[in-house]
Protein backbone atom coordinates (compact mmCIF):
# COMPACT_ATOMS: atom_id res chain seq x y z
CA MET A 1 -37.23 21.67 22.28
CA ALA A 2 -33.43 21.77 22.54
CA ASP A 3 -31.66 23.25 25.56
CA ARG A 4 -31.23 27.01 25.24
CA VAL A 5 -28.73 29.34 26.89
CA ARG A 6 -30.72 32.15 28.51
CA THR A 7 -27.97 34.28 30.09
CA VAL A 8 -24.17 34.40 30.09
CA SER A 9 -22.15 36.08 32.85
CA VAL A 10 -18.39 36.54 33.04
CA LYS A 11 -16.82 37.21 36.41
CA ARG A 12 -13.38 37.40 37.94
CA GLU A 13 -12.41 36.24 41.41
CA GLY A 14 -8.82 37.08 42.19
CA ARG A 15 -6.74 35.81 39.28
CA LYS A 16 -9.38 33.36 38.02
CA TRP A 17 -12.08 34.00 35.44
CA PHE A 18 -15.45 32.20 35.37
CA VAL A 19 -18.23 31.97 32.80
CA VAL A 20 -21.70 31.26 34.22
CA LEU A 21 -24.36 29.96 31.85
CA THR A 22 -28.06 29.79 32.69
CA VAL A 23 -29.75 27.15 30.53
CA GLU A 24 -33.43 26.44 29.92
CA GLN A 25 -34.14 22.76 29.36
CA ASP A 26 -37.08 20.40 29.09
CA PRO A 27 -38.19 18.63 32.28
CA PRO A 28 -36.66 15.14 32.55
CA GLU A 29 -38.72 12.05 31.83
CA PRO A 30 -39.69 10.19 35.03
CA LEU A 31 -37.95 6.88 35.69
CA PRO A 32 -40.03 3.71 35.41
CA ALA A 33 -41.44 2.31 38.66
CA THR A 34 -39.40 -0.55 40.17
CA GLY A 35 -41.64 -1.52 43.09
CA SER A 36 -38.66 -1.15 45.46
CA VAL A 37 -38.75 1.06 48.55
CA VAL A 38 -35.81 2.32 50.61
CA GLY A 39 -35.57 4.36 53.80
CA ILE A 40 -32.61 6.67 54.50
CA ASP A 41 -31.65 8.22 57.84
CA LEU A 42 -29.08 11.03 57.93
CA GLY A 43 -27.06 11.17 61.12
CA ILE A 44 -23.98 12.52 62.88
CA ALA A 45 -21.88 9.43 63.74
CA ASN A 46 -22.64 7.95 60.31
CA PHE A 47 -23.41 10.07 57.27
CA LEU A 48 -26.39 7.87 56.45
CA ALA A 49 -27.98 4.52 57.21
CA ASP A 50 -30.39 2.82 54.84
CA SER A 51 -33.22 0.39 55.47
CA GLY A 52 -31.05 -2.45 54.11
CA GLY A 53 -28.66 -2.10 57.08
CA LYS A 54 -25.85 -0.34 55.19
CA PHE A 55 -23.96 2.55 56.78
CA VAL A 56 -21.97 5.27 55.01
CA PRO A 57 -19.29 6.84 57.24
CA ASN A 58 -19.21 10.57 57.86
CA PRO A 59 -16.76 12.14 55.35
CA ARG A 60 -14.93 14.36 57.86
């Protein structure tokens, strides 16, 4: 089944116009198993830390 547009809405906010499409699509195929596992911790000082010891800074 191909993706199908279910609804179309046109709206204006200030001087800008927007078209909003609602689309029905098939569920995605699951990715193949890799056997890898990762843990992620979301925080305040750092945006996230993973189980491999990598830190992502907070994008303030």
